[in-house]
Amino acid sequence: MRPGARLPIVSRMPSPSTAPSGVVESMFHRLVSRRARVREVESVGDAFRLVTIEGEDLEGRRWTPGDIIQIGFAGLAGRAYTPLSFEPRTGTATFLGFVHGQGIASNWLASATMGEPLFLVGPRSALDLASVGRPLFFFGDETSFSTAAALRATPEGIREVAFSFEVESTEASRIALERIGVTTGVTLTAREPEAVHLDRIENELMLALLAEARTRCVFTGKAPSIQRLYKAVRRAGISAKQVTNVAYWAPGRKGFSGVQR
């Protein structure tokens, strides 16, 4: 499809993954959600999907880099995504999703189709990337890639940003990051049993702070990893005001808001 072309409204019901499954759920979605549809889905390897959504309900909405949208699924479940770009003039948002496991969001990402209708909430405030100073140490994992790319839309872009990601596949992650324009200052560390790989990431972080004590830190992604790094910087005497934590997930848990702490 030609870039920028608008899809016709599809007159079919949402797929089972996104359709409210009961009367109460349906009413809830229609009352509090905005309507949109999938404009384009691009597979970036097996593990990532670059998704663009659009909708008249998104036109004219205010967006700040780091804001999230929350897509609603059956049973009132929802998952938050950080757009790497948002165009209020046309009501379009693009985000990179990570397909992992058999959860409701991963199943939807793996099967999302062009024209599929959606219910969503947002954009809403989550992580104010525009206010984060430089130099910056940005930590995360595959669920953080879209947030990292959103830094490109800030006034300072990705200048003086060191990206450090813990990942399953360094090759697949490198391809995904290149696709969304995060190509400089990137260190990819493969996960290891007992999280021993975090030793190297912690050392990398300490070196960055040693080189410049005023370095700002944004920790995103897996909650236990964030806790480990946060404790490390606090032991090093770094002010809590220099650190922003945004947990996206933790093993065996769900329902993370994706909002900064």
C-alpha atoms as a PDB file:
ATOM      1  CA  MET A   1       0.000   0.000   0.000  1.00  0.00           C
ATOM      2  CA  ARG A   2       1.199   3.504  -0.792  1.00  0.00           C
ATOM      3  CA  PRO A   3       2.719   5.218   2.284  1.00  0.00           C
ATOM      4  CA  GLY A   4       0.168   7.551   3.853  1.00  0.00           C
ATOM      5  CA  ALA A   5      -2.791   5.951   2.050  1.00  0.00           C
ATOM      6  CA  ARG A   6      -5.834   5.406   4.265  1.00  0.00           C
ATOM      7  CA  LEU A   7      -7.502   2.045   4.536  1.00  0.00           C
ATOM      8  CA  PRO A   8     -11.219   1.724   3.957  1.00  0.00           C
ATOM      9  CA  ILE A   9     -13.214   1.027   7.090  1.00  0.00           C
ATOM     10  CA  VAL A  10     -13.651  -2.719   7.359  1.00  0.00           C
ATOM     11  CA  SER A  11     -17.166  -3.795   8.226  1.00  0.00           C
ATOM     12  CA  ARG A  12     -16.291  -6.955  10.094  1.00  0.00           C
ATOM     13  CA  MET A  13     -16.230  -7.723  13.782  1.00  0.00           C
ATOM     14  CA  PRO A  14     -12.915  -7.548  15.642  1.00  0.00           C
ATOM     15  CA  SER A  15     -10.924 -10.763  15.788  1.00  0.00           C
ATOM     16  CA  PRO A  16     -11.369 -12.919  18.876  1.00  0.00           C
ATOM     17  CA  SER A  17      -8.212 -11.473  20.419  1.00  0.00           C
ATOM     18  CA  THR A  18      -9.463  -7.893  20.405  1.00  0.00           C
ATOM     19  CA  ALA A  19     -13.245  -8.234  20.479  1.00  0.00           C
ATOM     20  CA  PRO A  20     -14.902  -7.658  23.872  1.00  0.00           C
ATOM     21  CA  SER A  21     -16.276 -11.057  24.876  1.00  0.00           C
ATOM     22  CA  GLY A  22     -19.325  -9.982  26.874  1.00  0.00           C
ATOM     23  CA  VAL A  23     -21.980  -7.283  27.087  1.00  0.00           C
ATOM     24  CA  VAL A  24     -20.369  -5.499  30.043  1.00  0.00           C
ATOM     25  CA  GLU A  25     -16.942  -5.694  28.447  1.00  0.00           C
ATOM     26  CA  SER A  26     -18.283  -4.396  25.144  1.00  0.00           C
ATOM     27  CA  MET A  27     -19.982  -1.443  26.838  1.00  0.00           C
ATOM     28  CA  PHE A  28     -16.829  -0.689  28.829  1.00  0.00           C
ATOM     29  CA  HIS A  29     -14.629  -0.636  25.736  1.00  0.00           C
ATOM     30  CA  ARG A  30     -17.024   1.561  23.823  1.00  0.00           C
ATOM     31  CA  LEU A  31     -17.414   4.037  26.687  1.00  0.00           C
ATOM     32  CA  VAL A  32     -13.773   4.523  27.676  1.00  0.00           C
ATOM     33  CA  SER A  33     -11.811   3.503  24.586  1.00  0.00           C
ATOM     34  CA  ARG A  34     -10.924   5.094  21.286  1.00  0.00           C
ATOM     35  CA  ARG A  35     -11.415   3.229  18.061  1.00  0.00           C
ATOM     36  CA  ALA A  36      -8.644   2.564  15.597  1.00  0.00           C
ATOM     37  CA  ARG A  37      -7.594  -0.042  13.079  1.00  0.00           C
ATOM     38  CA  VAL A  38      -4.372  -1.669  11.965  1.00  0.00           C
ATOM     39  CA  ARG A  39      -3.004   0.119   8.924  1.00  0.00           C
ATOM     40  CA  GLU A  40       0.128  -1.927   8.439  1.00  0.00           C
ATOM     41  CA  VAL A  41       1.992  -4.831  10.044  1.00  0.00           C
ATOM     42  CA  GLU A  42       5.611  -5.576   9.151  1.00  0.00           C
ATOM     43  CA  SER A  43       7.399  -8.676  10.392  1.00  0.00           C
ATOM     44  CA  VAL A  44      10.905  -7.804  11.543  1.00  0.00           C
ATOM     45  CA  GLY A  45      12.294 -11.300  11.809  1.00  0.00           C
ATOM     46  CA  ASP A  46      10.303 -13.876  13.760  1.00  0.00           C
ATOM     47  CA  ALA A  47      10.190 -12.060  17.081  1.00  0.00           C
ATOM     48  CA  PHE A  48       9.139  -8.498  16.261  1.00  0.00           C
ATOM     49  CA  ARG A  49       6.236  -6.744  14.557  1.00  0.00           C
ATOM     50  CA  LEU A  50       6.302  -3.123  13.450  1.00  0.00           C
ATOM     51  CA  VAL A  51       2.658  -2.075  13.734  1.00  0.00           C
ATOM     52  CA  THR A  52       1.041   1.119  12.477  1.00  0.00           C
ATOM     53  CA  ILE A  53      -2.476   1.930  13.640  1.00  0.00           C
ATOM     54  CA  GLU A  54      -4.772   4.735  12.590  1.00  0.00           C
ATOM     55  CA  GLY A  55      -8.138   6.154  13.504  1.00  0.00           C
ATOM     56  CA  GLU A  56     -10.181   9.329  13.486  1.00  0.00           C
ATOM     57  CA  ASP A  57     -10.351   9.134  17.280  1.00  0.00           C
ATOM     58  CA  LEU A  58      -6.579   9.645  17.357  1.00  0.00           C
ATOM     59  CA  GLU A  59      -6.565  12.718  15.143  1.00  0.00           C
ATOM     60  CA  GLY A  60      -5.512  15.883  16.935  1.00  0.00           C
ATOM     61  CA  ARG A  61      -4.468  14.058  20.093  1.00  0.00           C
ATOM     62  CA  ARG A  62      -1.484  15.362  22.005  1.00  0.00           C
ATOM     63  CA  TRP A  63       1.541  13.062  22.189  1.00  0.00           C
ATOM     64  CA  THR A  64       4.858  13.447  23.969  1.00  0.00           C
ATOM     65  CA  PRO A  65       7.675  10.959  23.318  1.00  0.00           C
ATOM     66  CA  GLY A  66       7.351   8.271  25.967  1.00  0.00           C
ATOM     67  CA  ASP A  67       3.548   8.371  26.140  1.00  0.00           C
ATOM     68  CA  ILE A  68       1.812   5.011  25.813  1.00  0.00           C
ATOM     69  CA  ILE A  69      -1.270   3.586  24.196  1.00  0.00           C
ATOM     70  CA  GLN A  70      -3.092   0.647  25.738  1.00  0.00           C
ATOM     71  CA  ILE A  71      -4.760  -1.813  23.406  1.00  0.00           C
ATOM     72  CA  GLY A  72      -7.787  -3.592  24.825  1.00  0.00           C
ATOM     73  CA  PHE A  73      -8.328  -7.322  24.450  1.00  0.00           C
ATOM     74  CA  ALA A  74     -11.117  -9.686  25.376  1.00  0.00           C
ATOM     75  CA  GLY A  75     -11.977  -9.974  29.057  1.00  0.00           C
ATOM     76  CA  LEU A  76     -11.015  -6.340  29.784  1.00  0.00           C
ATOM     77  CA  ALA A  77      -7.335  -7.255  29.441  1.00  0.00           C
ATOM     78  CA  GLY A  78      -5.047  -4.610  28.013  1.00  0.00           C
ATOM     79  CA  ARG A  79      -1.402  -4.223  27.054  1.00  0.00           C
ATOM     80  CA  ALA A  80       0.547  -0.990  26.838  1.00  0.00           C
ATOM     81  CA  TYR A  81       2.836  -0.045  23.972  1.00  0.00           C
ATOM     82  CA  THR A  82       5.055   2.999  23.513  1.00  0.00           C
ATOM     83  CA  PRO A  83       4.727   4.504  20.037  1.00  0.00           C
ATOM     84  CA  LEU A  84       8.044   5.318  18.429  1.00  0.00           C
ATOM     85  CA  SER A  85       6.173   7.913  16.382  1.00  0.00           C
ATOM     86  CA  PHE A  86       2.772   9.560  16.447  1.00  0.00           C
ATOM     87  CA  GLU A  87       1.182  11.807  13.833  1.00  0.00           C
ATOM     88  CA  PRO A  88      -1.842  13.675  15.216  1.00  0.00           C
ATOM     89  CA  ARG A  89      -2.660  15.198  11.830  1.00  0.00           C
ATOM     90  CA  THR A  90      -3.484  11.794  10.373  1.00  0.00           C
ATOM     91  CA  GLY A  91      -4.226   9.960  13.618  1.00  0.00           C
ATOM     92  CA  THR A  92      -1.468   7.369  13.120  1.00  0.00           C
ATOM     93  CA  ALA A  93       0.865   5.724  15.615  1.00  0.00           C
ATOM     94  CA  THR A  94       3.648   3.214  15.063  1.00  0.00           C
ATOM     95  CA  PHE A  95       5.186   0.870  17.621  1.00  0.00           C
ATOM     96  CA  LEU A  96       7.464  -2.160  17.659  1.00  0.00           C
ATOM     97  CA  GLY A  97       5.992  -5.167  19.468  1.00  0.00           C
ATOM     98  CA  PHE A  98       7.878  -8.177  20.792  1.00  0.00           C
ATOM     99  CA  VAL A  99       6.365 -11.607  20.146  1.00  0.00           C
ATOM    100  CA  HIS A 100       7.300 -13.921  22.985  1.00  0.00           C
ATOM    101  CA  GLY A 101       5.481 -16.718  24.752  1.00  0.00           C
ATOM    102  CA  GLN A 102       1.788 -17.485  24.346  1.00  0.00           C
ATOM    103  CA  GLY A 103       0.269 -14.494  26.109  1.00  0.00           C
ATOM    104  CA  ILE A 104      -2.726 -12.599  24.764  1.00  0.00           C
ATOM    105  CA  ALA A 105      -0.597  -9.716  23.457  1.00  0.00           C
ATOM    106  CA  SER A 106       1.983 -11.926  21.764  1.00  0.00           C
ATOM    107  CA  ASN A 107      -0.743 -13.994  20.125  1.00  0.00           C
ATOM    108  CA  TRP A 108      -2.340 -10.827  18.797  1.00  0.00           C
ATOM    109  CA  LEU A 109       0.948  -9.444  17.486  1.00  0.00           C
ATOM    110  CA  ALA A 110       1.714 -12.701  15.710  1.00  0.00           C
ATOM    111  CA  SER A 111      -1.653 -12.725  13.935  1.00  0.00           C
ATOM    112  CA  ALA A 112      -2.524  -9.023  13.561  1.00  0.00           C
ATOM    113  CA  THR A 113      -3.835  -8.180  10.107  1.00  0.00           C
ATOM    114  CA  MET A 114      -4.233  -5.021   8.076  1.00  0.00           C
ATOM    115  CA  GLY A 115      -7.643  -3.442   8.603  1.00  0.00           C
ATOM    116  CA  GLU A 116      -8.286  -5.157  11.949  1.00  0.00           C
ATOM    117  CA  PRO A 117     -10.331  -2.901  14.262  1.00  0.00           C
ATOM    118  CA  LEU A 118      -9.052  -2.084  17.749  1.00  0.00           C
ATOM    119  CA  PHE A 119     -10.136  -0.499  20.995  1.00  0.00           C
ATOM    120  CA  LEU A 120      -7.452   1.493  22.783  1.00  0.00           C
ATOM    121  CA  VAL A 121      -6.830   4.065  25.494  1.00  0.00           C
ATOM    122  CA  GLY A 122      -4.377   6.913  25.075  1.00  0.00           C
ATOM    123  CA  PRO A 123      -2.024   8.365  24.236  1.00  0.00           C
ATOM    124  CA  ARG A 124      -1.463   8.958  27.939  1.00  0.00           C
ATOM    125  CA  SER A 125       1.482  10.054  30.022  1.00  0.00           C
ATOM    126  CA  ALA A 126       3.914   7.333  31.081  1.00  0.00           C
ATOM    127  CA  LEU A 127       7.582   8.259  30.683  1.00  0.00           C
ATOM    128  CA  ASP A 128       8.474  11.856  29.848  1.00  0.00           C
ATOM    129  CA  LEU A 129      11.435  11.267  27.560  1.00  0.00           C
ATOM    130  CA  ALA A 130      11.541  14.889  26.440  1.00  0.00           C
ATOM    131  CA  SER A 131      12.518  16.029  29.936  1.00  0.00           C
ATOM    132  CA  VAL A 132      15.344  13.521  30.425  1.00  0.00           C
ATOM    133  CA  GLY A 133      18.708  15.263  30.239  1.00  0.00           C
ATOM    134  CA  ARG A 134      21.941  14.115  28.677  1.00  0.00           C
ATOM    135  CA  PRO A 135      24.180  12.198  28.961  1.00  0.00           C
ATOM    136  CA  LEU A 136      21.752   9.294  29.356  1.00  0.00           C
ATOM    137  CA  PHE A 137      22.157   5.609  30.138  1.00  0.00           C
ATOM    138  CA  PHE A 138      19.106   3.747  28.824  1.00  0.00           C
ATOM    139  CA  PHE A 139      18.665   0.139  29.950  1.00  0.00           C
ATOM    140  CA  GLY A 140      16.006  -2.280  28.787  1.00  0.00           C
ATOM    141  CA  ASP A 141      15.221  -5.420  26.822  1.00  0.00           C
ATOM    142  CA  GLU A 142      13.208  -6.367  23.730  1.00  0.00           C
ATOM    143  CA  THR A 143      10.066  -4.826  25.244  1.00  0.00           C
ATOM    144  CA  SER A 144      11.933  -1.508  25.484  1.00  0.00           C
ATOM    145  CA  PHE A 145      13.002  -1.093  21.857  1.00  0.00           C
ATOM    146  CA  SER A 146      10.029   1.049  20.850  1.00  0.00           C
ATOM    147  CA  THR A 147      10.572   3.301  23.874  1.00  0.00           C
ATOM    148  CA  ALA A 148      14.241   3.654  22.972  1.00  0.00           C
ATOM    149  CA  ALA A 149      13.298   4.657  19.426  1.00  0.00           C
ATOM    150  CA  ALA A 150      10.887   7.275  20.769  1.00  0.00           C
ATOM    151  CA  LEU A 151      13.945   9.171  22.045  1.00  0.00           C
ATOM    152  CA  ARG A 152      14.616  10.082  18.424  1.00  0.00           C
ATOM    153  CA  ALA A 153      11.531  12.322  18.557  1.00  0.00           C
ATOM    154  CA  THR A 154      12.847  14.348  21.516  1.00  0.00           C
ATOM    155  CA  PRO A 155      14.613  17.691  20.972  1.00  0.00           C
ATOM    156  CA  GLU A 156      18.011  16.144  21.748  1.00  0.00           C
ATOM    157  CA  GLY A 157      17.371  12.933  19.836  1.00  0.00           C
ATOM    158  CA  ILE A 158      19.720  10.078  20.680  1.00  0.00           C
ATOM    159  CA  ARG A 159      22.739  12.322  21.121  1.00  0.00           C
ATOM    160  CA  GLU A 160      24.812  11.263  24.155  1.00  0.00           C
ATOM    161  CA  VAL A 161      22.644   8.219  24.816  1.00  0.00           C
ATOM    162  CA  ALA A 162      24.187   4.876  25.718  1.00  0.00           C
ATOM    163  CA  PHE A 163      21.727   2.034  25.098  1.00  0.00           C
ATOM    164  CA  SER A 164      22.211  -1.236  26.963  1.00  0.00           C
ATOM    165  CA  PHE A 165      19.825  -4.125  26.352  1.00  0.00           C
ATOM    166  CA  GLU A 166      19.595  -7.637  27.789  1.00  0.00           C
ATOM    167  CA  VAL A 167      18.224  -9.866  25.028  1.00  0.00           C
ATOM    168  CA  GLU A 168      17.623 -13.458  23.965  1.00  0.00           C
ATOM    169  CA  SER A 169      19.144 -13.063  20.502  1.00  0.00           C
ATOM    170  CA  THR A 170      21.707 -10.360  19.819  1.00  0.00           C
ATOM    171  CA  GLU A 171      21.400 -10.843  16.048  1.00  0.00           C
ATOM    172  CA  ALA A 172      17.598 -10.600  15.932  1.00  0.00           C
ATOM    173  CA  SER A 173      17.692  -7.626  18.265  1.00  0.00           C
ATOM    174  CA  ARG A 174      20.299  -5.819  16.190  1.00  0.00           C
ATOM    175  CA  ILE A 175      18.157  -6.227  13.071  1.00  0.00           C
ATOM    176  CA  ALA A 176      15.079  -4.904  14.878  1.00  0.00           C
ATOM    177  CA  LEU A 177      16.933  -1.901  16.288  1.00  0.00           C
ATOM    178  CA  GLU A 178      18.391  -1.053  12.911  1.00  0.00           C
ATOM    179  CA  ARG A 179      14.911  -1.154  11.407  1.00  0.00           C
ATOM    180  CA  ILE A 180      13.660   1.493  13.858  1.00  0.00           C
ATOM    181  CA  GLY A 181      16.737   3.699  13.669  1.00  0.00           C
ATOM    182  CA  VAL A 182      18.493   2.885  16.950  1.00  0.00           C
ATOM    183  CA  THR A 183      21.964   2.196  15.598  1.00  0.00           C
ATOM    184  CA  THR A 184      24.465   4.199  17.651  1.00  0.00           C
ATOM    185  CA  GLY A 185      25.683   3.706  21.188  1.00  0.00           C
ATOM    186  CA  VAL A 186      24.053   0.270  21.449  1.00  0.00           C
ATOM    187  CA  THR A 187      25.351  -2.619  23.559  1.00  0.00           C
ATOM    188  CA  LEU A 188      23.515  -5.948  23.360  1.00  0.00           C
ATOM    189  CA  THR A 189      24.105  -8.500  26.098  1.00  0.00           C
ATOM    190  CA  ALA A 190      22.755 -12.025  25.756  1.00  0.00           C
ATOM    191  CA  ARG A 191      20.836 -13.327  28.765  1.00  0.00           C
ATOM    192  CA  GLU A 192      22.519 -16.028  30.805  1.00  0.00           C
ATOM    193  CA  PRO A 193      21.298 -18.417  33.530  1.00  0.00           C
ATOM    194  CA  GLU A 194      20.992 -16.893  36.996  1.00  0.00           C
ATOM    195  CA  ALA A 195      21.164 -13.443  35.360  1.00  0.00           C
ATOM    196  CA  VAL A 196      24.971 -13.441  35.534  1.00  0.00           C
ATOM    197  CA  HIS A 197      24.993 -11.264  32.404  1.00  0.00           C
ATOM    198  CA  LEU A 198      23.791  -8.400  34.580  1.00  0.00           C
ATOM    199  CA  ASP A 199      27.261  -8.277  36.132  1.00  0.00           C
ATOM    200  CA  ARG A 200      28.604  -6.968  32.820  1.00  0.00           C
ATOM    201  CA  ILE A 201      25.735  -4.512  32.393  1.00  0.00           C
ATOM    202  CA  GLU A 202      26.235  -3.219  35.933  1.00  0.00           C
ATOM    203  CA  ASN A 203      29.950  -2.702  35.231  1.00  0.00           C
ATOM    204  CA  GLU A 204      29.051  -0.865  32.030  1.00  0.00           C
ATOM    205  CA  LEU A 205      26.690   1.355  33.995  1.00  0.00           C
ATOM    206  CA  MET A 206      29.291   2.121  36.667  1.00  0.00           C
ATOM    207  CA  LEU A 207      31.821   3.108  34.006  1.00  0.00           C
ATOM    208  CA  ALA A 208      29.300   5.504  32.463  1.00  0.00           C
ATOM    209  CA  LEU A 209      28.657   7.102  35.855  1.00  0.00           C
ATOM    210  CA  LEU A 210      32.366   7.269  36.607  1.00  0.00           C
ATOM    211  CA  ALA A 211      32.970   9.063  33.314  1.00  0.00           C
ATOM    212  CA  GLU A 212      30.171  11.562  33.993  1.00  0.00           C
ATOM    213  CA  ALA A 213      28.549  11.688  37.441  1.00  0.00           C
ATOM    214  CA  ARG A 214      25.554  13.674  36.180  1.00  0.00           C
ATOM    215  CA  THR A 215      24.511  10.886  33.794  1.00  0.00           C
ATOM    216  CA  ARG A 216      20.758  10.336  33.851  1.00  0.00           C
ATOM    217  CA  CYS A 217      19.504   6.750  34.016  1.00  0.00           C
ATOM    218  CA  VAL A 218      16.319   5.305  32.538  1.00  0.00           C
ATOM    219  CA  PHE A 219      15.751   1.653  33.442  1.00  0.00           C
ATOM    220  CA  THR A 220      12.973  -0.165  31.582  1.00  0.00           C
ATOM    221  CA  GLY A 221      11.875  -3.721  30.856  1.00  0.00           C
ATOM    222  CA  LYS A 222      12.159  -6.616  33.311  1.00  0.00           C
ATOM    223  CA  ALA A 223      11.380  -5.669  36.916  1.00  0.00           C
ATOM    224  CA  PRO A 224      14.055  -7.777  38.676  1.00  0.00           C
ATOM    225  CA  SER A 225      16.752  -6.423  36.345  1.00  0.00           C
ATOM    226  CA  ILE A 226      15.646  -2.870  37.035  1.00  0.00           C
ATOM    227  CA  GLN A 227      15.761  -3.496  40.775  1.00  0.00           C
ATOM    228  CA  ARG A 228      19.285  -4.867  40.493  1.00  0.00           C
ATOM    229  CA  LEU A 229      20.590  -1.832  38.604  1.00  0.00           C
ATOM    230  CA  TYR A 230      18.693   0.665  40.742  1.00  0.00           C
ATOM    231  CA  LYS A 231      20.261  -0.748  43.910  1.00  0.00           C
ATOM    232  CA  ALA A 232      23.677  -0.548  42.270  1.00  0.00           C
ATOM    233  CA  VAL A 233      23.408   3.144  41.399  1.00  0.00           C
ATOM    234  CA  ARG A 234      22.056   3.998  44.839  1.00  0.00           C
ATOM    235  CA  ARG A 235      24.974   2.189  46.479  1.00  0.00           C
ATOM    236  CA  ALA A 236      27.242   4.258  44.253  1.00  0.00           C
ATOM    237  CA  GLY A 237      25.759   7.416  45.747  1.00  0.00           C
ATOM    238  CA  ILE A 238      23.702   8.465  42.744  1.00  0.00           C
ATOM    239  CA  SER A 239      20.655  10.544  43.606  1.00  0.00           C
ATOM    240  CA  ALA A 240      17.267   8.918  43.100  1.00  0.00           C
ATOM    241  CA  LYS A 241      16.333  12.037  41.105  1.00  0.00           C
ATOM    242  CA  GLN A 242      18.759  10.932  38.388  1.00  0.00           C
ATOM    243  CA  VAL A 243      17.000   7.608  37.917  1.00  0.00           C
ATOM    244  CA  THR A 244      13.684   6.720  36.295  1.00  0.00           C
ATOM    245  CA  ASN A 245      12.319   3.169  36.565  1.00  0.00           C
ATOM    246  CA  VAL A 246       9.636   1.781  34.265  1.00  0.00           C
ATOM    247  CA  ALA A 247       8.940  -1.935  34.650  1.00  0.00           C
ATOM    248  CA  TYR A 248       7.146  -3.544  31.712  1.00  0.00           C
ATOM    249  CA  TRP A 249       7.026  -7.123  32.952  1.00  0.00           C
ATOM    250  CA  ALA A 250       8.190  -9.681  35.494  1.00  0.00           C
ATOM    251  CA  PRO A 251       8.197 -13.471  35.361  1.00  0.00           C
ATOM    252  CA  GLY A 252       4.841 -14.872  36.440  1.00  0.00           C
ATOM    253  CA  ARG A 253       3.162 -11.475  36.678  1.00  0.00           C
ATOM    254  CA  LYS A 254       0.961  -9.360  34.438  1.00  0.00           C
ATOM    255  CA  GLY A 255      -0.855  -6.039  34.521  1.00  0.00           C
ATOM    256  CA  PHE A 256       2.145  -3.683  34.504  1.00  0.00           C
ATOM    257  CA  SER A 257       1.075  -0.135  33.692  1.00  0.00           C
ATOM    258  CA  GLY A 258       4.279   0.925  31.927  1.00  0.00           C
ATOM    259  CA  VAL A 259       4.285   4.204  33.875  1.00  0.00           C
ATOM    260  CA  GLN A 260       7.435   5.697  35.373  1.00  0.00           C
ATOM    261  CA  ARG A 261       8.215   5.291  39.064  1.00  0.00           C
END
